[in-house]
Amino acid sequence: MAKQQRADKRSAVVPAAICIGVSFALVAAWMLLAPATPQRVATLRSGPPLLNKVAVSGAKIDTQVFEDSRIDGDSEASDPESRGSDREAEEAAHSDGDAELTVENKEIDGNLATQAEESQEEKEENQRLDSGSLEVPHYDWKLCSSAAGSDYIPCLDNVRAIKSLKSTKHYEHRERHCPLDEGSRLCLVPLPDGYRPRIPWPRSRSEIWYYNVPHTGLVSYKADQQWVMRKDDVLVFPGGGTQFKKGATRYIEFVEKTLPAIAWGTHTRVVLDVGCGVASFGGYLFDKDVLTMSFAPKDEHEAQVQFALERGIPAISAVMGTTRLPFPSNVYDAVHCARCRVPWHVEGAKLLLELNRVLRPGGYFIWSATPVYQHEPEDVQIWKETTRAASKMCWKRLARTKDPLTGIGVAVFQKPWDDTCYRQRSASEPPICEKEDSPDAAWYNPLGGCMHEIGKARVDWPDAWPGRLEATPKSLHGPSAEEFASETEHWKGVVRNSYEKNVGIDWDGIRNVMDMRAGYGGFAAALATLPVWVMNVVPANGEDTLPIVFDRGLFGIYHDWCESFSTYPRTYDLLHADGLFSQLGTSCNASHVLLEMDRILRPEGWALIRDKPEVLKELEPIVKSLHWEVKVLSSSRKSSQEVEDQEEQQQFVAAQKKMWRPEASI
């Protein structure tokens, strides 16, 4: 599969064995003499991220250290040709971090030990660590001091970067601007006063605890539109909205009546909702077996995405500004806009072209806004210019009608199935994109003013839901198809034999789930019978399997885990990370990733981290320093011998976040 393109490609070096000899002794001495400060942590970022620490006062951590497999002689790389240069690179990358891990309390007499002597010393020291006779580095996390308080999203609340913007004309101030300083990242987000475990689904669709999202701006601002109301200690969501005067369900059924071919939940399964408000459209589409990715910016419509997620409805904080949406091309069955306030017709219809990029061939654009059904001069002009732009893109208008009960109108357009219309246009406006412009490059890639050829990219509509969940996508052949089938069966077994039975998770309390390294979406598929939804994250600089996730009737997003995710704190009930930390290698600091997991995980939520035993052992003290309750569990066997062989090298940590927060702030 193609890899995501990004200007600042990061190198991925696999964590390796303990470096020994002269460099080890020098780093060890420096570790003892240097003060334990956040600046020291920043200096260590060039070392292996799994071992970088904030080593200041805090609770004592009971940790253990895996001995290096090459020193012990247990195993070597299976490919003999890879053992030379790869091992040297891995040892060089690992030296600083292992020194910090194993010699924090070790006397250094200034003599340089031989490699054999050093190896024996490390073995003996690891044994003492295992027995608890040595103290280990401490962690002292502090609360973030951002003006956003308990709603802090690092990449969306970077005030310094936002103030330095030359323009906000294209909503640049609502886009991602990730902080680089350690103080903005090595901190924990505080809880709102009065926070309590969330109301379970499906009750949460209608009401949430006020003190979990203590914002009332929309209560007054949208008082006449039934978005949200406050009643004592709960916020109530009647299912209304600007366009949903008789409720979201009435509106959804009216859309399908307007164009029966939409066939909610069978033909149309995966929908993108632009400018979603509190996401009632997506929330009530669950009743139709439709999965909706809703998004809206973090703006004056206070906490609208946070409301959605607290209700148990999928949503992200994003804006249609200057960069592409973080999704592949040709994947959404339908895109919906109900008074989403996006100027589709301006600047060569760039934003409409972005919808064209993500919309599946033959997919629908459902537009409900005043230009569709009102006749004010401005509305008439916007309708004229938008429909002209749609026509140039070869979109076909299938319907335009008004609900007689509510007075709300809807127009439905369809993207072409192939390139025939593109080739027959009398004028090449908008132009066809250049061949080297990958339509799936969508991580910080700027918007373009062109259309990508459809070609053979996912031109066959997937099987009707639910058959498409396990049907091998037509774009997969040979080994990839076999891998897809193997992954599907693998995660069925893991969920059935381990996650549902042996971890202690109350699945009735789980609603919002994230798979942080989703592959083909097999984990999400294995959860399909449970009342949960899964955000499938595919690393932006890794193998691009995200189109396959969409083909099977699921959804997801590109992301780089060296940065914060575009969601509010406390929005997910369960995070799943399969091989994520091994995949990240030295590209970023593991403590940053774990702190981000702590930020987006709800108190009482779960993190399931599957990785190599030595990687999990390195993560364990950091996890415990966050006061998560940890259990290390072995994996259950699967029917596939290939999967069993893989399982021999993996364990997983099941950790439950608690209500604990530090008292001090940065």
Foldseek 3Di string as FASTA:
>chain_A
DDFFDDPPDFDFAFAAAEAAWDLLLVLLVCLQPDDQAVVVLVVCLQAWQLQRANFDDDDFFLFAFDHHCVLVVPDADPDVVCRPPSNVVNNVRHHNRVSLFQRNPPDDPPDTDDRVVRSVVSVVSRVCSNVVVDTGGAHDAFEAPQPCALFDFQQLRPVVVLVPDPDCPQPPSLAGHHDDDPSSQRHFGAFFPPDDAWDFPPVLLFKTFCSRQVDCLCCVVVVVFQQWHDDVGMIGRPQTGPQRNVHLVVVVVVVCVQPVVCQQQWQAAEEEEALQFLPSNQVVSVVSNHAYEYEETCDPSHCSPVSNLSSLHHYFHDHRGWFAFQAFFQFHQEYEYAPSPDQCQPDLSLSVLSVNGRHHAFHKYKYWDCLLQPDDPVSVVSVVRNVVSCVLQVKAWDGWDADPVRRTIMTMITHHLFCPVCVVDPDQRVHEDDPVPHSGNGDRHTTDSHHHGCPVPNSDRAGTPPVLQQDQDPVDDDPRSVVSNVLLQVLLQQCVPPVVPPQPDPLSSFAEEEEQDQALNSNQSSCVVGNYAYAYEHENRDDDNQSNNSRNSHHYGYDHLLGAGRDTFQRGQEYEYAANSSRNTSSGNVLSSVSSVNRRHHQQGKYKHKHFPSSVSSNSSSLVSQVWAKDKAQTDDGPDPVVNVVSVGMTIMITGHHSDGDDHHD
